[in-house]
C-alpha atoms as a PDB file:
ATOM      1  CA  MET A   1      -1.310 -35.832  20.089  1.00  0.00           C
ATOM      2  CA  LYS A   2      -3.541 -37.915  19.201  1.00  0.00           C
ATOM      3  CA  LYS A   3      -4.122 -37.840  15.113  1.00  0.00           C
ATOM      4  CA  LYS A   4      -7.083 -38.773  12.219  1.00  0.00           C
ATOM      5  CA  PHE A   5      -4.993 -40.986   9.859  1.00  0.00           C
ATOM      6  CA  LEU A   6      -6.059 -41.226   6.421  1.00  0.00           C
ATOM      7  CA  VAL A   7      -4.764 -44.513   4.633  1.00  0.00           C
ATOM      8  CA  THR A   8      -5.170 -45.522   0.944  1.00  0.00           C
ATOM      9  CA  GLY A   9      -4.924 -48.464   0.281  1.00  0.00           C
ATOM     10  CA  GLY A  10      -4.686 -49.196   4.137  1.00  0.00           C
ATOM     11  CA  ALA A  11      -6.455 -53.288   3.019  1.00  0.00           C
ATOM     12  CA  GLY A  12      -2.951 -53.672   1.053  1.00  0.00           C
ATOM     13  CA  PHE A  13       0.188 -55.533   2.183  1.00  0.00           C
ATOM     14  CA  ILE A  14       1.463 -52.645   3.213  1.00  0.00           C
ATOM     15  CA  GLY A  15      -0.653 -50.191   4.196  1.00  0.00           C
ATOM     16  CA  SER A  16      -3.094 -52.439   6.812  1.00  0.00           C
ATOM     17  CA  HIS A  17       0.907 -52.921   9.423  1.00  0.00           C
ATOM     18  CA  LEU A  18       0.520 -49.524   8.905  1.00  0.00           C
ATOM     19  CA  VAL A  19      -2.717 -48.823  10.115  1.00  0.00           C
ATOM     20  CA  ASP A  20      -2.385 -51.521  12.570  1.00  0.00           C
ATOM     21  CA  SER A  21       0.648 -49.953  14.086  1.00  0.00           C
ATOM     22  CA  LEU A  22      -1.272 -46.264  13.753  1.00  0.00           C
ATOM     23  CA  LEU A  23      -3.990 -47.602  15.691  1.00  0.00           C
ATOM     24  CA  ALA A  24      -1.303 -49.508  18.492  1.00  0.00           C
ATOM     25  CA  ASP A  25      -0.655 -45.883  19.343  1.00  0.00           C
ATOM     26  CA  GLY A  26      -4.395 -44.136  19.999  1.00  0.00           C
ATOM     27  CA  ASN A  27      -4.787 -42.304  17.126  1.00  0.00           C
ATOM     28  CA  SER A  28      -7.471 -43.098  14.480  1.00  0.00           C
ATOM     29  CA  VAL A  29      -7.603 -43.679  10.590  1.00  0.00           C
ATOM     30  CA  MET A  30      -9.679 -43.518   7.967  1.00  0.00           C
ATOM     31  CA  VAL A  31      -8.903 -46.549   5.397  1.00  0.00           C
ATOM     32  CA  ILE A  32      -9.704 -45.742   0.998  1.00  0.00           C
ATOM     33  CA  ASP A  33      -9.827 -49.114  -0.983  1.00  0.00           C
ATOM     34  CA  ASP A  34     -11.108 -50.173  -3.671  1.00  0.00           C
ATOM     35  CA  PHE A  35     -10.605 -54.148  -2.280  1.00  0.00           C
ATOM     36  CA  SER A  36      -9.397 -55.066  -6.009  1.00  0.00           C
ATOM     37  CA  THR A  37      -5.123 -55.772  -4.856  1.00  0.00           C
ATOM     38  CA  GLY A  38      -6.170 -55.185  -1.015  1.00  0.00           C
ATOM     39  CA  ARG A  39      -8.087 -57.772   0.614  1.00  0.00           C
ATOM     40  CA  LEU A  40     -10.495 -56.859   3.918  1.00  0.00           C
ATOM     41  CA  GLU A  41      -8.568 -60.134   5.769  1.00  0.00           C
ATOM     42  CA  ASN A  42      -5.590 -58.117   6.211  1.00  0.00           C
ATOM     43  CA  LEU A  43      -7.477 -56.209   8.339  1.00  0.00           C
ATOM     44  CA  ASP A  44      -9.489 -58.929  10.069  1.00  0.00           C
ATOM     45  CA  ALA A  45      -7.460 -57.155  13.521  1.00  0.00           C
ATOM     46  CA  ALA A  46      -8.160 -53.480  13.282  1.00  0.00           C
ATOM     47  CA  LYS A  47     -11.969 -53.736  12.627  1.00  0.00           C
ATOM     48  CA  LYS A  48     -12.394 -54.880  15.930  1.00  0.00           C
ATOM     49  CA  ASN A  49     -10.974 -50.854  17.628  1.00  0.00           C
ATOM     50  CA  THR A  50     -13.572 -48.491  17.141  1.00  0.00           C
ATOM     51  CA  ARG A  51     -11.196 -46.425  16.159  1.00  0.00           C
ATOM     52  CA  LEU A  52     -11.205 -47.655  12.444  1.00  0.00           C
ATOM     53  CA  GLN A  53     -13.092 -46.351   9.642  1.00  0.00           C
ATOM     54  CA  ILE A  54     -13.610 -48.213   6.514  1.00  0.00           C
ATOM     55  CA  LEU A  55     -14.663 -46.590   3.661  1.00  0.00           C
ATOM     56  CA  LYS A  56     -14.643 -48.814  -0.233  1.00  0.00           C
ATOM     57  CA  ALA A  57     -13.818 -46.015  -3.435  1.00  0.00           C
ATOM     58  CA  ASP A  58     -11.779 -46.317  -6.255  1.00  0.00           C
ATOM     59  CA  ILE A  59      -9.330 -43.691  -5.315  1.00  0.00           C
ATOM     60  CA  SER A  60      -8.836 -42.978  -9.058  1.00  0.00           C
ATOM     61  CA  ALA A  61     -13.482 -42.282  -9.953  1.00  0.00           C
ATOM     62  CA  SER A  62     -14.217 -41.062  -6.428  1.00  0.00           C
ATOM     63  CA  PRO A  63     -12.728 -37.053  -6.493  1.00  0.00           C
ATOM     64  CA  ASP A  64     -15.357 -36.200  -4.291  1.00  0.00           C
ATOM     65  CA  VAL A  65     -15.137 -39.157  -1.303  1.00  0.00           C
ATOM     66  CA  VAL A  66     -11.470 -38.586  -1.937  1.00  0.00           C
ATOM     67  CA  SER A  67     -11.546 -34.945  -0.976  1.00  0.00           C
ATOM     68  CA  ARG A  68     -13.963 -35.205   1.969  1.00  0.00           C
ATOM     69  CA  ALA A  69     -12.484 -37.811   3.780  1.00  0.00           C
ATOM     70  CA  VAL A  70      -8.842 -35.616   2.947  1.00  0.00           C
ATOM     71  CA  GLU A  71     -10.518 -32.533   4.603  1.00  0.00           C
ATOM     72  CA  VAL A  72     -11.646 -34.485   7.921  1.00  0.00           C
ATOM     73  CA  SER A  73      -7.973 -35.963   8.389  1.00  0.00           C
ATOM     74  CA  ASP A  74      -4.722 -34.513  10.191  1.00  0.00           C
ATOM     75  CA  VAL A  75      -2.334 -36.410   8.013  1.00  0.00           C
ATOM     76  CA  VAL A  76      -2.754 -39.501   4.756  1.00  0.00           C
ATOM     77  CA  VAL A  77      -0.702 -41.223   3.927  1.00  0.00           C
ATOM     78  CA  HIS A  78      -1.358 -42.283   0.388  1.00  0.00           C
ATOM     79  CA  LEU A  79       0.017 -46.001  -0.306  1.00  0.00           C
ATOM     80  CA  ALA A  80      -3.076 -46.533  -3.264  1.00  0.00           C
ATOM     81  CA  ALA A  81      -1.485 -47.662  -6.042  1.00  0.00           C
ATOM     82  CA  ALA A  82      -0.904 -50.803  -8.904  1.00  0.00           C
ATOM     83  CA  VAL A  83       1.379 -52.977  -7.933  1.00  0.00           C
ATOM     84  CA  GLY A  84       2.996 -55.741  -8.899  1.00  0.00           C
ATOM     85  CA  VAL A  85       4.601 -56.910 -12.389  1.00  0.00           C
ATOM     86  CA  ASP A  86       2.096 -58.626 -13.306  1.00  0.00           C
ATOM     87  CA  LEU A  87      -0.710 -56.197 -13.379  1.00  0.00           C
ATOM     88  CA  VAL A  88       2.019 -53.522 -14.814  1.00  0.00           C
ATOM     89  CA  VAL A  89       2.308 -55.907 -17.533  1.00  0.00           C
ATOM     90  CA  ASN A  90      -0.469 -57.066 -18.152  1.00  0.00           C
ATOM     91  CA  SER A  91      -2.861 -53.633 -17.596  1.00  0.00           C
ATOM     92  CA  PRO A  92      -0.950 -50.674 -18.512  1.00  0.00           C
ATOM     93  CA  VAL A  93      -3.610 -48.573 -19.209  1.00  0.00           C
ATOM     94  CA  ARG A  94      -4.997 -49.423 -15.544  1.00  0.00           C
ATOM     95  CA  THR A  95      -1.450 -48.726 -14.177  1.00  0.00           C
ATOM     96  CA  ILE A  96      -1.437 -45.277 -15.415  1.00  0.00           C
ATOM     97  CA  ARG A  97      -4.942 -44.149 -14.610  1.00  0.00           C
ATOM     98  CA  THR A  98      -4.500 -45.364 -11.039  1.00  0.00           C
ATOM     99  CA  ASN A  99      -1.611 -44.133  -9.847  1.00  0.00           C
ATOM    100  CA  VAL A 100      -1.539 -41.104 -11.552  1.00  0.00           C
ATOM    101  CA  GLU A 101      -5.417 -40.348 -11.758  1.00  0.00           C
ATOM    102  CA  GLY A 102      -4.745 -40.975  -7.828  1.00  0.00           C
ATOM    103  CA  THR A 103      -2.982 -39.921  -7.096  1.00  0.00           C
ATOM    104  CA  PHE A 104      -3.868 -36.433  -8.576  1.00  0.00           C
ATOM    105  CA  ASN A 105      -6.819 -37.078  -6.201  1.00  0.00           C
ATOM    106  CA  VAL A 106      -5.113 -36.918  -3.410  1.00  0.00           C
ATOM    107  CA  LEU A 107      -3.481 -34.246  -3.447  1.00  0.00           C
ATOM    108  CA  GLU A 108      -5.645 -31.659  -4.854  1.00  0.00           C
ATOM    109  CA  PRO A 109      -7.693 -31.817  -1.715  1.00  0.00           C
ATOM    110  CA  ALA A 110      -4.014 -32.404   0.567  1.00  0.00           C
ATOM    111  CA  ALA A 111      -3.361 -28.903  -1.313  1.00  0.00           C
ATOM    112  CA  LYS A 112      -6.201 -26.917  -0.722  1.00  0.00           C
ATOM    113  CA  PHE A 113      -6.694 -27.932   2.984  1.00  0.00           C
ATOM    114  CA  LYS A 114      -2.487 -27.699   3.621  1.00  0.00           C
ATOM    115  CA  ARG A 115      -2.793 -31.029   5.383  1.00  0.00           C
ATOM    116  CA  ARG A 116       0.434 -33.029   5.887  1.00  0.00           C
ATOM    117  CA  ILE A 117       1.515 -35.860   3.672  1.00  0.00           C
ATOM    118  CA  VAL A 118       3.354 -39.205   1.791  1.00  0.00           C
ATOM    119  CA  ILE A 119       3.169 -40.740  -0.473  1.00  0.00           C
ATOM    120  CA  ALA A 120       4.276 -43.528  -1.380  1.00  0.00           C
ATOM    121  CA  SER A 121       6.880 -43.809  -4.355  1.00  0.00           C
ATOM    122  CA  THR A 122       9.188 -46.787  -5.557  1.00  0.00           C
ATOM    123  CA  SER A 123      12.272 -47.799  -7.117  1.00  0.00           C
ATOM    124  CA  GLU A 124      10.742 -48.683  -9.859  1.00  0.00           C
ATOM    125  CA  VAL A 125      11.937 -44.604 -10.746  1.00  0.00           C
ATOM    126  CA  TYR A 126      15.569 -45.650 -10.983  1.00  0.00           C
ATOM    127  CA  GLY A 127      14.835 -47.109 -13.736  1.00  0.00           C
ATOM    128  CA  LYS A 128      17.369 -49.141 -16.360  1.00  0.00           C
ATOM    129  CA  SER A 129      20.770 -46.949 -14.691  1.00  0.00           C
ATOM    130  CA  THR A 130      23.136 -49.034 -13.865  1.00  0.00           C
ATOM    131  CA  GLN A 131      24.851 -47.513 -10.200  1.00  0.00           C
ATOM    132  CA  GLU A 132      25.728 -49.687  -7.197  1.00  0.00           C
ATOM    133  CA  ARG A 133      23.694 -47.724  -4.805  1.00  0.00           C
ATOM    134  CA  PHE A 134      20.507 -45.780  -5.612  1.00  0.00           C
ATOM    135  CA  GLN A 135      20.595 -42.471  -4.231  1.00  0.00           C
ATOM    136  CA  GLU A 136      17.760 -39.554  -3.501  1.00  0.00           C
ATOM    137  CA  PHE A 137      18.915 -36.875  -6.219  1.00  0.00           C
ATOM    138  CA  ASP A 138      20.237 -39.249  -8.663  1.00  0.00           C
ATOM    139  CA  ASP A 139      19.395 -38.491 -12.248  1.00  0.00           C
ATOM    140  CA  LEU A 140      16.988 -40.781 -13.919  1.00  0.00           C
ATOM    141  CA  ARG A 141      17.042 -43.316 -17.041  1.00  0.00           C
ATOM    142  CA  LEU A 142      13.291 -45.272 -17.407  1.00  0.00           C
ATOM    143  CA  GLY A 143      12.625 -47.351 -20.293  1.00  0.00           C
ATOM    144  CA  SER A 144      10.790 -46.784 -23.783  1.00  0.00           C
ATOM    145  CA  PRO A 145       7.170 -46.550 -24.339  1.00  0.00           C
ATOM    146  CA  TYR A 146       7.736 -50.227 -26.457  1.00  0.00           C
ATOM    147  CA  HIS A 147       7.714 -51.756 -22.597  1.00  0.00           C
ATOM    148  CA  SER A 148       4.478 -51.967 -20.814  1.00  0.00           C
ATOM    149  CA  ARG A 149       6.973 -52.841 -18.158  1.00  0.00           C
ATOM    150  CA  TRP A 150       7.977 -48.952 -17.365  1.00  0.00           C
ATOM    151  CA  SER A 151       4.217 -47.860 -18.107  1.00  0.00           C
ATOM    152  CA  TYR A 152       4.915 -48.373 -13.888  1.00  0.00           C
ATOM    153  CA  ALA A 153       7.760 -46.216 -12.982  1.00  0.00           C
ATOM    154  CA  CYS A 154       6.748 -43.403 -15.297  1.00  0.00           C
ATOM    155  CA  SER A 155       3.283 -43.226 -13.939  1.00  0.00           C
ATOM    156  CA  LYS A 156       4.737 -43.265 -10.053  1.00  0.00           C
ATOM    157  CA  LEU A 157       7.282 -40.200 -11.117  1.00  0.00           C
ATOM    158  CA  ILE A 158       4.595 -38.458 -12.022  1.00  0.00           C
ATOM    159  CA  ASP A 159       2.934 -39.209  -8.687  1.00  0.00           C
ATOM    160  CA  GLU A 160       6.496 -37.283  -7.578  1.00  0.00           C
ATOM    161  CA  PHE A 161       6.144 -34.933  -9.093  1.00  0.00           C
ATOM    162  CA  LEU A 162       3.010 -33.578  -8.242  1.00  0.00           C
ATOM    163  CA  LEU A 163       4.160 -33.512  -5.244  1.00  0.00           C
ATOM    164  CA  MET A 164       7.235 -31.438  -4.984  1.00  0.00           C
ATOM    165  CA  ALA A 165       5.259 -29.379  -7.605  1.00  0.00           C
ATOM    166  CA  HIS A 166       2.704 -28.724  -4.299  1.00  0.00           C
ATOM    167  CA  VAL A 167       5.195 -28.229  -2.247  1.00  0.00           C
ATOM    168  CA  GLN A 168       6.985 -25.399  -4.431  1.00  0.00           C
ATOM    169  CA  ASP A 169       3.790 -24.184  -5.285  1.00  0.00           C
ATOM    170  CA  GLY A 170       1.485 -23.951  -2.787  1.00  0.00           C
ATOM    171  CA  GLY A 171       3.511 -24.561  -0.026  1.00  0.00           C
ATOM    172  CA  LEU A 172       2.633 -28.394   1.462  1.00  0.00           C
ATOM    173  CA  PRO A 173       4.108 -30.330   3.713  1.00  0.00           C
ATOM    174  CA  GLY A 174       4.160 -33.677   1.268  1.00  0.00           C
ATOM    175  CA  THR A 175       7.183 -35.372   1.551  1.00  0.00           C
ATOM    176  CA  VAL A 176       8.586 -39.144  -0.847  1.00  0.00           C
ATOM    177  CA  VAL A 177       9.414 -42.054  -0.387  1.00  0.00           C
ATOM    178  CA  ARG A 178      10.353 -44.790  -2.055  1.00  0.00           C
ATOM    179  CA  PHE A 179      10.012 -48.173  -1.542  1.00  0.00           C
ATOM    180  CA  PHE A 180      12.759 -50.764  -2.320  1.00  0.00           C
ATOM    181  CA  ASN A 181      11.124 -54.059  -2.196  1.00  0.00           C
ATOM    182  CA  THR A 182       9.426 -54.217   0.898  1.00  0.00           C
ATOM    183  CA  VAL A 183       8.061 -58.665   1.680  1.00  0.00           C
ATOM    184  CA  GLY A 184       6.386 -59.957   4.836  1.00  0.00           C
ATOM    185  CA  PRO A 185       3.147 -60.963   6.148  1.00  0.00           C
ATOM    186  CA  ARG A 186       0.463 -60.626   3.988  1.00  0.00           C
ATOM    187  CA  GLN A 187       2.090 -60.103   1.076  1.00  0.00           C
ATOM    188  CA  SER A 188       0.634 -61.895  -1.946  1.00  0.00           C
ATOM    189  CA  GLY A 189       2.832 -63.842  -4.780  1.00  0.00           C
ATOM    190  CA  ARG A 190      -0.124 -63.588  -7.451  1.00  0.00           C
ATOM    191  CA  TYR A 191       0.938 -59.384  -8.604  1.00  0.00           C
ATOM    192  CA  GLY A 192       4.687 -61.102  -9.079  1.00  0.00           C
ATOM    193  CA  MET A 193       5.832 -60.368  -5.940  1.00  0.00           C
ATOM    194  CA  VAL A 194       9.421 -62.975  -5.538  1.00  0.00           C
ATOM    195  CA  VAL A 195      10.097 -63.519  -2.116  1.00  0.00           C
ATOM    196  CA  PRO A 196       5.797 -64.955  -1.542  1.00  0.00           C
ATOM    197  CA  ARG A 197       6.045 -67.100  -4.496  1.00  0.00           C
ATOM    198  CA  PHE A 198       9.797 -68.599  -3.517  1.00  0.00           C
ATOM    199  CA  VAL A 199       8.738 -69.624  -0.288  1.00  0.00           C
ATOM    200  CA  ARG A 200       5.535 -70.360  -1.437  1.00  0.00           C
ATOM    201  CA  SER A 201       6.636 -72.777  -4.131  1.00  0.00           C
ATOM    202  CA  ALA A 202       9.556 -74.630  -1.741  1.00  0.00           C
ATOM    203  CA  LEU A 203       6.698 -75.078   0.966  1.00  0.00           C
ATOM    204  CA  GLU A 204       4.720 -76.722  -1.657  1.00  0.00           C
ATOM    205  CA  GLY A 205       7.556 -78.595  -2.826  1.00  0.00           C
ATOM    206  CA  SER A 206       6.833 -77.508  -6.810  1.00  0.00           C
ATOM    207  CA  PRO A 207       9.836 -76.207  -8.605  1.00  0.00           C
ATOM    208  CA  VAL A 208      11.148 -72.687  -7.777  1.00  0.00           C
ATOM    209  CA  ARG A 209      10.580 -70.054 -11.351  1.00  0.00           C
ATOM    210  CA  VAL A 210      13.797 -67.826 -11.430  1.00  0.00           C
ATOM    211  CA  PHE A 211      12.713 -65.048 -14.798  1.00  0.00           C
ATOM    212  CA  GLY A 212      15.520 -64.777 -16.465  1.00  0.00           C
ATOM    213  CA  ASP A 213      19.294 -65.843 -15.932  1.00  0.00           C
ATOM    214  CA  GLY A 214      18.754 -65.437 -11.816  1.00  0.00           C
ATOM    215  CA  GLU A 215      21.658 -62.729 -11.974  1.00  0.00           C
ATOM    216  CA  GLN A 216      19.804 -59.920 -10.792  1.00  0.00           C
ATOM    217  CA  THR A 217      19.793 -58.670  -7.606  1.00  0.00           C
ATOM    218  CA  ARG A 218      17.681 -57.161  -4.878  1.00  0.00           C
ATOM    219  CA  CYS A 219      17.125 -56.059  -1.565  1.00  0.00           C
ATOM    220  CA  PHE A 220      15.191 -56.882   0.980  1.00  0.00           C
ATOM    221  CA  CYS A 221      13.192 -54.940   3.843  1.00  0.00           C
ATOM    222  CA  HIS A 222      10.798 -56.473   6.470  1.00  0.00           C
ATOM    223  CA  VAL A 223       7.884 -54.732   6.373  1.00  0.00           C
ATOM    224  CA  SER A 224       7.717 -53.316   9.870  1.00  0.00           C
ATOM    225  CA  ASP A 225      11.119 -51.756   9.511  1.00  0.00           C
ATOM    226  CA  THR A 226       8.933 -49.919   6.722  1.00  0.00           C
ATOM    227  CA  VAL A 227       6.307 -48.650   8.500  1.00  0.00           C
ATOM    228  CA  ARG A 228       8.982 -48.028  11.341  1.00  0.00           C
ATOM    229  CA  ALA A 229      10.339 -45.933   8.419  1.00  0.00           C
ATOM    230  CA  LEU A 230       7.526 -44.378   7.470  1.00  0.00           C
ATOM    231  CA  ARG A 231       5.830 -43.008  11.027  1.00  0.00           C
ATOM    232  CA  MET A 232       9.544 -41.108  11.911  1.00  0.00           C
ATOM    233  CA  LEU A 233       9.833 -39.779   9.175  1.00  0.00           C
ATOM    234  CA  ILE A 234       5.628 -37.999   8.912  1.00  0.00           C
ATOM    235  CA  ASP A 235       6.937 -37.355  12.270  1.00  0.00           C
ATOM    236  CA  ASN A 236       8.886 -35.183  11.733  1.00  0.00           C
ATOM    237  CA  ASP A 237       8.751 -31.577  10.076  1.00  0.00           C
ATOM    238  CA  ALA A 238      12.284 -32.158   7.914  1.00  0.00           C
ATOM    239  CA  SER A 239      11.421 -34.336   5.647  1.00  0.00           C
ATOM    240  CA  ILE A 240       9.177 -32.071   4.362  1.00  0.00           C
ATOM    241  CA  GLY A 241       9.613 -31.540   0.693  1.00  0.00           C
ATOM    242  CA  GLY A 242      12.359 -33.536   0.251  1.00  0.00           C
ATOM    243  CA  ILE A 243      12.701 -37.950  -0.755  1.00  0.00           C
ATOM    244  CA  TYR A 244      13.242 -40.327   1.063  1.00  0.00           C
ATOM    245  CA  ASN A 245      14.521 -44.550  -0.315  1.00  0.00           C
ATOM    246  CA  ILE A 246      13.771 -46.884   2.522  1.00  0.00           C
ATOM    247  CA  GLY A 247      14.981 -50.806   2.168  1.00  0.00           C
ATOM    248  CA  SER A 248      17.648 -52.895   2.966  1.00  0.00           C
ATOM    249  CA  ASP A 249      21.665 -52.817   1.687  1.00  0.00           C
ATOM    250  CA  GLU A 250      21.024 -56.530   1.437  1.00  0.00           C
ATOM    251  CA  LEU A 251      21.561 -57.429  -1.664  1.00  0.00           C
ATOM    252  CA  ILE A 252      21.233 -60.930  -3.213  1.00  0.00           C
ATOM    253  CA  SER A 253      21.115 -62.420  -6.225  1.00  0.00           C
ATOM    254  CA  MET A 254      17.461 -63.845  -7.600  1.00  0.00           C
ATOM    255  CA  ARG A 255      19.855 -67.618  -8.266  1.00  0.00           C
ATOM    256  CA  ASP A 256      20.668 -67.656  -4.238  1.00  0.00           C
ATOM    257  CA  LEU A 257      17.570 -66.648  -2.778  1.00  0.00           C
ATOM    258  CA  ALA A 258      15.867 -69.383  -4.882  1.00  0.00           C
ATOM    259  CA  SER A 259      18.660 -71.870  -2.857  1.00  0.00           C
ATOM    260  CA  LYS A 260      18.369 -70.363  -0.021  1.00  0.00           C
ATOM    261  CA  VAL A 261      14.790 -70.447  -0.002  1.00  0.00           C
ATOM    262  CA  ILE A 262      15.008 -74.051  -1.201  1.00  0.00           C
ATOM    263  CA  SER A 263      17.598 -74.959   1.645  1.00  0.00           C
ATOM    264  CA  ARG A 264      16.487 -72.593   4.311  1.00  0.00           C
ATOM    265  CA  PHE A 265      12.644 -74.815   4.307  1.00  0.00           C
ATOM    266  CA  GLY A 266      14.104 -78.266   3.754  1.00  0.00           C
ATOM    267  CA  SER A 267      12.849 -78.314   0.566  1.00  0.00           C
ATOM    268  CA  GLU A 268      12.857 -80.339  -2.080  1.00  0.00           C
ATOM    269  CA  SER A 269      12.115 -78.481  -4.668  1.00  0.00           C
ATOM    270  CA  LYS A 270      14.225 -77.912  -8.056  1.00  0.00           C
ATOM    271  CA  ILE A 271      15.038 -74.057  -9.577  1.00  0.00           C
ATOM    272  CA  GLU A 272      13.457 -73.744 -12.722  1.00  0.00           C
ATOM    273  CA  PHE A 273      14.517 -70.779 -14.749  1.00  0.00           C
ATOM    274  CA  VAL A 274      12.351 -69.148 -17.264  1.00  0.00           C
ATOM    275  CA  PRO A 275      13.011 -66.376 -20.225  1.00  0.00           C
ATOM    276  CA  TYR A 276      11.150 -63.407 -19.254  1.00  0.00           C
ATOM    277  CA  ASP A 277       9.797 -63.559 -22.727  1.00  0.00           C
ATOM    278  CA  VAL A 278       8.115 -67.156 -21.241  1.00  0.00           C
ATOM    279  CA  ALA A 279       7.205 -65.523 -17.942  1.00  0.00           C
ATOM    280  CA  TYR A 280       6.282 -61.398 -19.399  1.00  0.00           C
ATOM    281  CA  ALA A 281       6.390 -60.765 -23.201  1.00  0.00           C
ATOM    282  CA  LYS A 282       8.453 -59.726 -25.904  1.00  0.00           C
ATOM    283  CA  GLY A 283      11.122 -57.417 -25.057  1.00  0.00           C
ATOM    284  CA  PHE A 284      10.541 -57.053 -21.507  1.00  0.00           C
ATOM    285  CA  GLU A 285      13.135 -55.487 -19.865  1.00  0.00           C
ATOM    286  CA  ASP A 286      14.234 -55.716 -15.979  1.00  0.00           C
ATOM    287  CA  MET A 287      15.635 -53.730 -13.307  1.00  0.00           C
ATOM    288  CA  ARG A 288      19.846 -55.277 -13.239  1.00  0.00           C
ATOM    289  CA  HIS A 289      19.973 -54.481  -9.347  1.00  0.00           C
ATOM    290  CA  ARG A 290      18.433 -52.487  -7.018  1.00  0.00           C
ATOM    291  CA  ARG A 291      20.355 -51.314  -3.757  1.00  0.00           C
ATOM    292  CA  PRO A 292      19.472 -47.929  -1.700  1.00  0.00           C
ATOM    293  CA  SER A 293      20.919 -45.452  -0.098  1.00  0.00           C
ATOM    294  CA  THR A 294      19.285 -45.074   3.179  1.00  0.00           C
ATOM    295  CA  GLU A 295      21.929 -42.375   4.119  1.00  0.00           C
ATOM    296  CA  ALA A 296      19.365 -39.581   3.817  1.00  0.00           C
ATOM    297  CA  LEU A 297      16.977 -41.496   6.352  1.00  0.00           C
ATOM    298  CA  ARG A 298      19.333 -42.521   8.642  1.00  0.00           C
ATOM    299  CA  LYS A 299      20.275 -39.320   8.851  1.00  0.00           C
ATOM    300  CA  LEU A 300      17.384 -37.036   9.581  1.00  0.00           C
ATOM    301  CA  THR A 301      15.891 -40.102  12.029  1.00  0.00           C
ATOM    302  CA  GLY A 302      19.010 -43.041  12.455  1.00  0.00           C
ATOM    303  CA  TRP A 303      16.761 -45.016  11.597  1.00  0.00           C
ATOM    304  CA  LYS A 304      18.613 -49.010  10.851  1.00  0.00           C
ATOM    305  CA  PRO A 305      16.414 -52.044   9.328  1.00  0.00           C
ATOM    306  CA  ARG A 306      16.090 -54.727  11.984  1.00  0.00           C
ATOM    307  CA  HIS A 307      15.246 -57.967  10.092  1.00  0.00           C
ATOM    308  CA  ASP A 308      17.875 -60.111   8.549  1.00  0.00           C
ATOM    309  CA  LEU A 309      16.539 -61.908   5.854  1.00  0.00           C
ATOM    310  CA  ASP A 310      16.414 -65.483   7.568  1.00  0.00           C
ATOM    311  CA  SER A 311      14.046 -63.749   9.801  1.00  0.00           C
ATOM    312  CA  ILE A 312      12.717 -62.121   6.842  1.00  0.00           C
ATOM    313  CA  LEU A 313      11.609 -65.506   4.718  1.00  0.00           C
ATOM    314  CA  ASP A 314      11.043 -66.717   8.241  1.00  0.00           C
ATOM    315  CA  ASP A 315       7.830 -64.344   8.666  1.00  0.00           C
ATOM    316  CA  VAL A 316       6.437 -65.115   5.457  1.00  0.00           C
ATOM    317  CA  ALA A 317       6.639 -69.300   5.875  1.00  0.00           C
ATOM    318  CA  ALA A 318       5.513 -68.667   8.839  1.00  0.00           C
ATOM    319  CA  TYR A 319       2.349 -66.542   7.555  1.00  0.00           C
ATOM    320  CA  ILE A 320       2.046 -68.189   4.220  1.00  0.00           C
ATOM    321  CA  ARG A 321       1.349 -71.864   6.190  1.00  0.00           C
ATOM    322  CA  ASN A 322      -1.269 -70.307   8.052  1.00  0.00           C
ATOM    323  CA  THR A 323      -3.000 -69.138   4.656  1.00  0.00           C
ATOM    324  CA  PRO A 324      -5.105 -70.634   2.410  1.00  0.00           C
ATOM    325  CA  GLN A 325      -3.696 -71.279  -1.534  1.00  0.00           C
ATOM    326  CA  GLU A 326      -3.622 -67.866  -3.506  1.00  0.00           C
END
């Protein structure tokens, strides 16, 4: 059965790919986006489809618009959020308001009309934990409020608690997903996203700037794999009331990532190490390692990522070569 989907943040990086996937399967999609970080160009192909409707609105400031959109939808996928370390560090008030007020405005009508909903959270909620792999039932350890770095993690964690409260209090058919470094075409490096930033620098022959000592590690998941996982969870009622990590487990340090990018594209770029205090702010704290356990997702849906890091880098490079300088 074809459905009516509401995708908040649908002009963003992940959102626009989800919109493409939903439309390709014959669904109708309404997008709400204020285009503060999302781009209308991300929906260029989708705009040709008569089953797409685009509303320009700030979900944190337009509760009536959001409520009406939720009411006429069958499924809500809430992706709108403040994105990127640069934005979080430099605009902590905006970060908290966008994430908390926006999610509240989406969840209230979803609970009222009993709409199926999936909300996007983040691996950042695992905070300063030193575990090798993060599982959904792990205790969470966030940093001090003195560091605005943690405002994003805290605000997204409140989003999770809000959804779970609605699930428990009123039977809202809701699911939380925690993204672990989704990357791919259409992702911007403007807000500190490391892969497009590294790749663009390497292609231009400019220094590849690694923040900190470069020994921090991450795993990168292709956006098409992330969207496939989202679709599987949306369609599986057994995911209701659950929290699911979505990400790859192919671990790499930022130092090695920079070297791989330079080598893969035959660049003459040099690696430049930049202290966190210079890159962001005095006292900046980072997650040392970030590797997901996706056992819960795999057991429920059979999902596994199909793209390795090399193919991800190639897709990002192809997109950047065809995209004007940001």
